[in-house]
Amino acid sequence: MALLNLWSLGHFVQWAGIGRFSSIGWTPFFVLSIGWEVLELYLPYEFASEQWSNKISDVIVNCAGFAIGRQMHPNEEVIE
């Protein structure tokens, strides 16, 4: 499995949108982002079965998307 795939694009777009259109800060972002990757360890579905390197790249892509979304956010106030 490749480090970056179509799921990576989906992760990026999702977190860029959340960063742009919500007021959550970095702490809730990390809880949700890493929490989902941990949850995938226990899900009995094929899409959730991936290597650790892919899980790490997912979190990196999530961070990039969220950071870009936060930069486009019209209001500087965020909830931490």
PDB file of N, CA and C in Angstrom:
ATOM      1  N   MET A   1       0.849  -1.186   0.000  1.00  0.00           N
ATOM      2  CA  MET A   1       0.000   0.000   0.000  1.00  0.00           C
ATOM      3  C   MET A   1       0.891   1.245   0.000  1.00  0.00           C
ATOM      4  N   ALA A   2       0.534   2.211  -0.811  1.00  0.00           N
ATOM      5  CA  ALA A   2       1.303   3.440  -0.922  1.00  0.00           C
ATOM      6  C   ALA A   2       1.076   4.336   0.289  1.00  0.00           C
ATOM      7  N   LEU A   3       2.081   5.154   0.585  1.00  0.00           N
ATOM      8  CA  LEU A   3       1.942   6.086   1.709  1.00  0.00           C
ATOM      9  C   LEU A   3       0.843   7.110   1.457  1.00  0.00           C
ATOM     10  N   LEU A   4       0.724   7.552   0.216  1.00  0.00           N
ATOM     11  CA  LEU A   4      -0.317   8.507  -0.152  1.00  0.00           C
ATOM     12  C   LEU A   4      -1.218   7.849  -1.194  1.00  0.00           C
ATOM     13  N   ASN A   5      -2.519   7.996  -1.007  1.00  0.00           N
ATOM     14  CA  ASN A   5      -3.473   7.392  -1.924  1.00  0.00           C
ATOM     15  C   ASN A   5      -4.704   8.281  -2.001  1.00  0.00           C
ATOM     16  N   LEU A   6      -5.775   7.758  -2.581  1.00  0.00           N
ATOM     17  CA  LEU A   6      -6.997   8.549  -2.709  1.00  0.00           C
ATOM     18  C   LEU A   6      -7.588   8.895  -1.350  1.00  0.00           C
ATOM     19  N   TRP A   7      -7.427   7.985  -0.379  1.00  0.00           N
ATOM     20  CA  TRP A   7      -7.897   8.277   0.978  1.00  0.00           C
ATOM     21  C   TRP A   7      -7.159   9.490   1.546  1.00  0.00           C
ATOM     22  N   SER A   8      -5.879   9.635   1.211  1.00  0.00           N
ATOM     23  CA  SER A   8      -5.086  10.773   1.697  1.00  0.00           C
ATOM     24  C   SER A   8      -5.684  12.090   1.206  1.00  0.00           C
ATOM     25  N   LEU A   9      -6.098  12.119  -0.056  1.00  0.00           N
ATOM     26  CA  LEU A   9      -6.730  13.326  -0.594  1.00  0.00           C
ATOM     27  C   LEU A   9      -8.020  13.624   0.159  1.00  0.00           C
ATOM     28  N   GLY A  10      -8.783  12.589   0.443  1.00  0.00           N
ATOM     29  CA  GLY A  10     -10.017  12.771   1.211  1.00  0.00           C
ATOM     30  C   GLY A  10      -9.747  13.310   2.599  1.00  0.00           C
ATOM     31  N   HIS A  11      -8.705  12.779   3.260  1.00  0.00           N
ATOM     32  CA  HIS A  11      -8.320  13.266   4.591  1.00  0.00           C
ATOM     33  C   HIS A  11      -7.954  14.751   4.516  1.00  0.00           C
ATOM     34  N   PHE A  12      -7.148  15.101   3.521  1.00  0.00           N
ATOM     35  CA  PHE A  12      -6.696  16.486   3.377  1.00  0.00           C
ATOM     36  C   PHE A  12      -7.874  17.429   3.189  1.00  0.00           C
ATOM     37  N   VAL A  13      -8.767  17.101   2.270  1.00  0.00           N
ATOM     38  CA  VAL A  13      -9.921  17.962   1.984  1.00  0.00           C
ATOM     39  C   VAL A  13     -10.830  18.063   3.210  1.00  0.00           C
ATOM     40  N   GLN A  14     -11.065  16.931   3.867  1.00  0.00           N
ATOM     41  CA  GLN A  14     -11.921  16.925   5.058  1.00  0.00           C
ATOM     42  C   GLN A  14     -11.363  17.850   6.132  1.00  0.00           C
ATOM     43  N   TRP A  15     -10.090  17.708   6.463  1.00  0.00           N
ATOM     44  CA  TRP A  15      -9.520  18.502   7.548  1.00  0.00           C
ATOM     45  C   TRP A  15      -9.299  19.957   7.157  1.00  0.00           C
ATOM     46  N   ALA A  16      -9.061  20.226   5.870  1.00  0.00           N
ATOM     47  CA  ALA A  16      -8.979  21.618   5.424  1.00  0.00           C
ATOM     48  C   ALA A  16     -10.337  22.288   5.602  1.00  0.00           C
ATOM     49  N   GLY A  17     -11.410  21.572   5.267  1.00  0.00           N
ATOM     50  CA  GLY A  17     -12.755  22.107   5.454  1.00  0.00           C
ATOM     51  C   GLY A  17     -13.085  22.330   6.919  1.00  0.00           C
ATOM     52  N   ILE A  18     -12.722  21.374   7.759  1.00  0.00           N
ATOM     53  CA  ILE A  18     -12.968  21.527   9.198  1.00  0.00           C
ATOM     54  C   ILE A  18     -12.171  22.703   9.746  1.00  0.00           C
ATOM     55  N   GLY A  19     -10.920  22.840   9.330  1.00  0.00           N
ATOM     56  CA  GLY A  19     -10.098  23.961   9.779  1.00  0.00           C
ATOM     57  C   GLY A  19     -10.639  25.293   9.308  1.00  0.00           C
ATOM     58  N   ARG A  20     -11.181  25.323   8.112  1.00  0.00           N
ATOM     59  CA  ARG A  20     -11.691  26.568   7.531  1.00  0.00           C
ATOM     60  C   ARG A  20     -13.044  26.973   8.116  1.00  0.00           C
ATOM     61  N   PHE A  21     -13.927  26.003   8.310  1.00  0.00           N
ATOM     62  CA  PHE A  21     -15.307  26.332   8.641  1.00  0.00           C
ATOM     63  C   PHE A  21     -15.710  26.057  10.085  1.00  0.00           C
ATOM     64  N   SER A  22     -14.790  25.592  10.907  1.00  0.00           N
ATOM     65  CA  SER A  22     -15.121  25.381  12.316  1.00  0.00           C
ATOM     66  C   SER A  22     -14.164  26.193  13.184  1.00  0.00           C
ATOM     67  N   SER A  23     -14.434  26.196  14.467  1.00  0.00           N
ATOM     68  CA  SER A  23     -13.592  26.953  15.389  1.00  0.00           C
ATOM     69  C   SER A  23     -12.812  26.045  16.326  1.00  0.00           C
ATOM     70  N   ILE A  24     -12.630  24.767  15.960  1.00  0.00           N
ATOM     71  CA  ILE A  24     -11.857  23.896  16.844  1.00  0.00           C
ATOM     72  C   ILE A  24     -10.380  24.250  16.734  1.00  0.00           C
ATOM     73  N   GLY A  25      -9.666  24.017  17.785  1.00  0.00           N
ATOM     74  CA  GLY A  25      -8.235  24.289  17.812  1.00  0.00           C
ATOM     75  C   GLY A  25      -7.429  23.020  17.586  1.00  0.00           C
ATOM     76  N   TRP A  26      -6.146  23.131  17.836  1.00  0.00           N
ATOM     77  CA  TRP A  26      -5.241  22.011  17.569  1.00  0.00           C
ATOM     78  C   TRP A  26      -5.444  20.834  18.519  1.00  0.00           C
ATOM     79  N   THR A  27      -5.787  21.099  19.769  1.00  0.00           N
ATOM     80  CA  THR A  27      -5.963  19.995  20.719  1.00  0.00           C
ATOM     81  C   THR A  27      -7.119  19.081  20.314  1.00  0.00           C
ATOM     82  N   PRO A  28      -8.321  19.612  20.067  1.00  0.00           N
ATOM     83  CA  PRO A  28      -9.396  18.722  19.616  1.00  0.00           C
ATOM     84  C   PRO A  28      -9.085  18.069  18.268  1.00  0.00           C
ATOM     85  N   PHE A  29      -8.385  18.799  17.411  1.00  0.00           N
ATOM     86  CA  PHE A  29      -7.990  18.217  16.125  1.00  0.00           C
ATOM     87  C   PHE A  29      -7.145  16.966  16.336  1.00  0.00           C
ATOM     88  N   PHE A  30      -6.119  17.073  17.187  1.00  0.00           N
ATOM     89  CA  PHE A  30      -5.251  15.913  17.421  1.00  0.00           C
ATOM     90  C   PHE A  30      -6.016  14.755  18.055  1.00  0.00           C
ATOM     91  N   VAL A  31      -6.912  15.058  18.970  1.00  0.00           N
ATOM     92  CA  VAL A  31      -7.711  14.000  19.607  1.00  0.00           C
ATOM     93  C   VAL A  31      -8.541  13.274  18.545  1.00  0.00           C
ATOM     94  N   LEU A  32      -9.205  14.017  17.675  1.00  0.00           N
ATOM     95  CA  LEU A  32     -10.030  13.400  16.639  1.00  0.00           C
ATOM     96  C   LEU A  32      -9.198  12.674  15.585  1.00  0.00           C
ATOM     97  N   SER A  33      -8.135  13.299  15.138  1.00  0.00           N
ATOM     98  CA  SER A  33      -7.312  12.729  14.077  1.00  0.00           C
ATOM     99  C   SER A  33      -6.627  11.438  14.528  1.00  0.00           C
ATOM    100  N   ILE A  34      -5.964  11.485  15.654  1.00  0.00           N
ATOM    101  CA  ILE A  34      -5.258  10.308  16.158  1.00  0.00           C
ATOM    102  C   ILE A  34      -6.252   9.279  16.688  1.00  0.00           C
ATOM    103  N   GLY A  35      -7.333   9.757  17.288  1.00  0.00           N
ATOM    104  CA  GLY A  35      -8.370   8.850  17.774  1.00  0.00           C
ATOM    105  C   GLY A  35      -8.961   8.008  16.658  1.00  0.00           C
ATOM    106  N   TRP A  36      -9.173   8.607  15.490  1.00  0.00           N
ATOM    107  CA  TRP A  36      -9.708   7.848  14.357  1.00  0.00           C
ATOM    108  C   TRP A  36      -8.715   6.772  13.920  1.00  0.00           C
ATOM    109  N   GLU A  37      -7.446   7.103  13.865  1.00  0.00           N
ATOM    110  CA  GLU A  37      -6.439   6.121  13.455  1.00  0.00           C
ATOM    111  C   GLU A  37      -6.380   4.957  14.448  1.00  0.00           C
ATOM    112  N   VAL A  38      -6.539   5.238  15.727  1.00  0.00           N
ATOM    113  CA  VAL A  38      -6.577   4.172  16.734  1.00  0.00           C
ATOM    114  C   VAL A  38      -7.846   3.333  16.560  1.00  0.00           C
ATOM    115  N   LEU A  39      -8.970   3.991  16.329  1.00  0.00           N
ATOM    116  CA  LEU A  39     -10.222   3.272  16.116  1.00  0.00           C
ATOM    117  C   LEU A  39     -10.114   2.320  14.926  1.00  0.00           C
ATOM    118  N   GLU A  40      -9.422   2.742  13.884  1.00  0.00           N
ATOM    119  CA  GLU A  40      -9.253   1.892  12.705  1.00  0.00           C
ATOM    120  C   GLU A  40      -8.555   0.572  13.040  1.00  0.00           C
ATOM    121  N   LEU A  41      -7.773   0.550  14.091  1.00  0.00           N
ATOM    122  CA  LEU A  41      -7.107  -0.696  14.491  1.00  0.00           C
ATOM    123  C   LEU A  41      -8.123  -1.762  14.889  1.00  0.00           C
ATOM    124  N   TYR A  42      -9.284  -1.342  15.346  1.00  0.00           N
ATOM    125  CA  TYR A  42     -10.291  -2.262  15.871  1.00  0.00           C
ATOM    126  C   TYR A  42     -11.475  -2.474  14.936  1.00  0.00           C
ATOM    127  N   LEU A  43     -11.574  -1.685  13.870  1.00  0.00           N
ATOM    128  CA  LEU A  43     -12.688  -1.845  12.944  1.00  0.00           C
ATOM    129  C   LEU A  43     -12.474  -3.089  12.076  1.00  0.00           C
ATOM    130  N   PRO A  44     -13.528  -3.888  11.871  1.00  0.00           N
ATOM    131  CA  PRO A  44     -13.380  -5.131  11.117  1.00  0.00           C
ATOM    132  C   PRO A  44     -13.566  -4.963   9.601  1.00  0.00           C
ATOM    133  N   TYR A  45     -13.269  -3.788   9.076  1.00  0.00           N
ATOM    134  CA  TYR A  45     -13.483  -3.520   7.654  1.00  0.00           C
ATOM    135  C   TYR A  45     -12.156  -3.438   6.915  1.00  0.00           C
ATOM    136  N   GLU A  46     -12.199  -3.777   5.634  1.00  0.00           N
ATOM    137  CA  GLU A  46     -10.974  -3.806   4.836  1.00  0.00           C
ATOM    138  C   GLU A  46     -10.328  -2.427   4.700  1.00  0.00           C
ATOM    139  N   PHE A  47     -11.148  -1.366   4.570  1.00  0.00           N
ATOM    140  CA  PHE A  47     -10.572  -0.030   4.402  1.00  0.00           C
ATOM    141  C   PHE A  47      -9.736   0.395   5.608  1.00  0.00           C
ATOM    142  N   ALA A  48     -10.012  -0.186   6.772  1.00  0.00           N
ATOM    143  CA  ALA A  48      -9.303   0.197   7.997  1.00  0.00           C
ATOM    144  C   ALA A  48      -8.002  -0.577   8.177  1.00  0.00           C
ATOM    145  N   SER A  49      -7.785  -1.590   7.367  1.00  0.00           N
ATOM    146  CA  SER A  49      -6.581  -2.409   7.482  1.00  0.00           C
ATOM    147  C   SER A  49      -5.458  -1.774   6.666  1.00  0.00           C
ATOM    148  N   GLU A  50      -4.487  -1.223   7.357  1.00  0.00           N
ATOM    149  CA  GLU A  50      -3.361  -0.575   6.681  1.00  0.00           C
ATOM    150  C   GLU A  50      -2.120  -0.653   7.552  1.00  0.00           C
ATOM    151  N   GLN A  51      -0.987  -0.366   6.946  1.00  0.00           N
ATOM    152  CA  GLN A  51       0.283  -0.437   7.669  1.00  0.00           C
ATOM    153  C   GLN A  51       0.459   0.801   8.545  1.00  0.00           C
ATOM    154  N   TRP A  52       1.353   0.680   9.524  1.00  0.00           N
ATOM    155  CA  TRP A  52       1.628   1.798  10.430  1.00  0.00           C
ATOM    156  C   TRP A  52       2.149   3.018   9.676  1.00  0.00           C
ATOM    157  N   SER A  53       2.966   2.784   8.656  1.00  0.00           N
ATOM    158  CA  SER A  53       3.503   3.915   7.886  1.00  0.00           C
ATOM    159  C   SER A  53       2.377   4.711   7.234  1.00  0.00           C
ATOM    160  N   ASN A  54       1.321   4.025   6.799  1.00  0.00           N
ATOM    161  CA  ASN A  54       0.196   4.724   6.193  1.00  0.00           C
ATOM    162  C   ASN A  54      -0.596   5.490   7.242  1.00  0.00           C
ATOM    163  N   LYS A  55      -0.723   4.939   8.445  1.00  0.00           N
ATOM    164  CA  LYS A  55      -1.419   5.642   9.515  1.00  0.00           C
ATOM    165  C   LYS A  55      -0.676   6.925   9.878  1.00  0.00           C
ATOM    166  N   ILE A  56       0.643   6.845   9.925  1.00  0.00           N
ATOM    167  CA  ILE A  56       1.454   8.026  10.230  1.00  0.00           C
ATOM    168  C   ILE A  56       1.321   9.071   9.129  1.00  0.00           C
ATOM    169  N   SER A  57       1.346   8.623   7.866  1.00  0.00           N
ATOM    170  CA  SER A  57       1.199   9.580   6.767  1.00  0.00           C
ATOM    171  C   SER A  57      -0.200  10.202   6.781  1.00  0.00           C
ATOM    172  N   ASP A  58      -1.218   9.435   7.198  1.00  0.00           N
ATOM    173  CA  ASP A  58      -2.568  10.003   7.321  1.00  0.00           C
ATOM    174  C   ASP A  58      -2.581  11.159   8.310  1.00  0.00           C
ATOM    175  N   VAL A  59      -1.926  10.981   9.450  1.00  0.00           N
ATOM    176  CA  VAL A  59      -1.900  12.047  10.465  1.00  0.00           C
ATOM    177  C   VAL A  59      -1.141  13.264   9.929  1.00  0.00           C
ATOM    178  N   ILE A  60      -0.068  13.052   9.188  1.00  0.00           N
ATOM    179  CA  ILE A  60       0.691  14.165   8.601  1.00  0.00           C
ATOM    180  C   ILE A  60      -0.164  14.911   7.583  1.00  0.00           C
ATOM    181  N   VAL A  61      -0.872  14.178   6.733  1.00  0.00           N
ATOM    182  CA  VAL A  61      -1.761  14.800   5.748  1.00  0.00           C
ATOM    183  C   VAL A  61      -2.885  15.544   6.467  1.00  0.00           C
ATOM    184  N   ASN A  62      -3.420  14.954   7.534  1.00  0.00           N
ATOM    185  CA  ASN A  62      -4.454  15.623   8.320  1.00  0.00           C
ATOM    186  C   ASN A  62      -3.945  16.958   8.855  1.00  0.00           C
ATOM    187  N   CYS A  63      -2.725  16.952   9.396  1.00  0.00           N
ATOM    188  CA  CYS A  63      -2.129  18.183   9.949  1.00  0.00           C
ATOM    189  C   CYS A  63      -1.963  19.238   8.862  1.00  0.00           C
ATOM    190  N   ALA A  64      -1.503  18.833   7.699  1.00  0.00           N
ATOM    191  CA  ALA A  64      -1.326  19.788   6.595  1.00  0.00           C
ATOM    192  C   ALA A  64      -2.666  20.382   6.185  1.00  0.00           C
ATOM    193  N   GLY A  65      -3.672  19.545   6.040  1.00  0.00           N
ATOM    194  CA  GLY A  65      -4.993  20.039   5.659  1.00  0.00           C
ATOM    195  C   GLY A  65      -5.572  20.972   6.704  1.00  0.00           C
ATOM    196  N   PHE A  66      -5.462  20.587   7.974  1.00  0.00           N
ATOM    197  CA  PHE A  66      -6.007  21.421   9.049  1.00  0.00           C
ATOM    198  C   PHE A  66      -5.273  22.755   9.123  1.00  0.00           C
ATOM    199  N   ALA A  67      -3.944  22.731   8.989  1.00  0.00           N
ATOM    200  CA  ALA A  67      -3.161  23.971   9.050  1.00  0.00           C
ATOM    201  C   ALA A  67      -3.544  24.917   7.918  1.00  0.00           C
ATOM    202  N   ILE A  68      -3.717  24.404   6.725  1.00  0.00           N
ATOM    203  CA  ILE A  68      -4.117  25.254   5.602  1.00  0.00           C
ATOM    204  C   ILE A  68      -5.531  25.777   5.808  1.00  0.00           C
ATOM    205  N   GLY A  69      -6.415  24.920   6.293  1.00  0.00           N
ATOM    206  CA  GLY A  69      -7.776  25.370   6.588  1.00  0.00           C
ATOM    207  C   GLY A  69      -7.807  26.454   7.645  1.00  0.00           C
ATOM    208  N   ARG A  70      -6.982  26.309   8.701  1.00  0.00           N
ATOM    209  CA  ARG A  70      -6.918  27.322   9.759  1.00  0.00           C
ATOM    210  C   ARG A  70      -6.411  28.647   9.201  1.00  0.00           C
ATOM    211  N   GLN A  71      -5.463  28.605   8.260  1.00  0.00           N
ATOM    212  CA  GLN A  71      -4.946  29.845   7.674  1.00  0.00           C
ATOM    213  C   GLN A  71      -6.018  30.578   6.878  1.00  0.00           C
ATOM    214  N   MET A  72      -6.977  29.850   6.332  1.00  0.00           N
ATOM    215  CA  MET A  72      -8.048  30.466   5.550  1.00  0.00           C
ATOM    216  C   MET A  72      -9.249  30.848   6.411  1.00  0.00           C
ATOM    217  N   HIS A  73      -9.212  30.530   7.706  1.00  0.00           N
ATOM    218  CA  HIS A  73     -10.331  30.813   8.609  1.00  0.00           C
ATOM    219  C   HIS A  73     -10.477  32.315   8.769  1.00  0.00           C
ATOM    220  N   PRO A  74     -11.719  32.823   8.634  1.00  0.00           N
ATOM    221  CA  PRO A  74     -11.911  34.285   8.690  1.00  0.00           C
ATOM    222  C   PRO A  74     -11.791  34.878  10.092  1.00  0.00           C
ATOM    223  N   ASN A  75     -11.894  34.060  11.128  1.00  0.00           N
ATOM    224  CA  ASN A  75     -11.869  34.559  12.499  1.00  0.00           C
ATOM    225  C   ASN A  75     -10.687  33.937  13.227  1.00  0.00           C
ATOM    226  N   GLU A  76      -9.956  34.726  13.953  1.00  0.00           N
ATOM    227  CA  GLU A  76      -8.771  34.230  14.648  1.00  0.00           C
ATOM    228  C   GLU A  76      -9.111  33.470  15.936  1.00  0.00           C
ATOM    229  N   GLU A  77     -10.330  33.638  16.470  1.00  0.00           N
ATOM    230  CA  GLU A  77     -10.708  32.957  17.712  1.00  0.00           C
ATOM    231  C   GLU A  77     -10.966  31.485  17.444  1.00  0.00           C
ATOM    232  N   VAL A  78     -10.314  30.630  18.217  1.00  0.00           N
ATOM    233  CA  VAL A  78     -10.548  29.198  18.101  1.00  0.00           C
ATOM    234  C   VAL A  78     -10.714  28.629  19.500  1.00  0.00           C
ATOM    235  N   ILE A  79     -11.380  27.512  19.579  1.00  0.00           N
ATOM    236  CA  ILE A  79     -11.569  26.811  20.843  1.00  0.00           C
ATOM    237  C   ILE A  79     -10.439  25.818  21.014  1.00  0.00           C
ATOM    238  N   GLU A  80      -9.723  25.883  22.119  1.00  0.00           N
ATOM    239  CA  GLU A  80      -8.635  24.916  22.366  1.00  0.00           C
ATOM    240  C   GLU A  80      -9.112  23.849  23.203  1.00  0.00           C
TER     241      GLU A  80
END
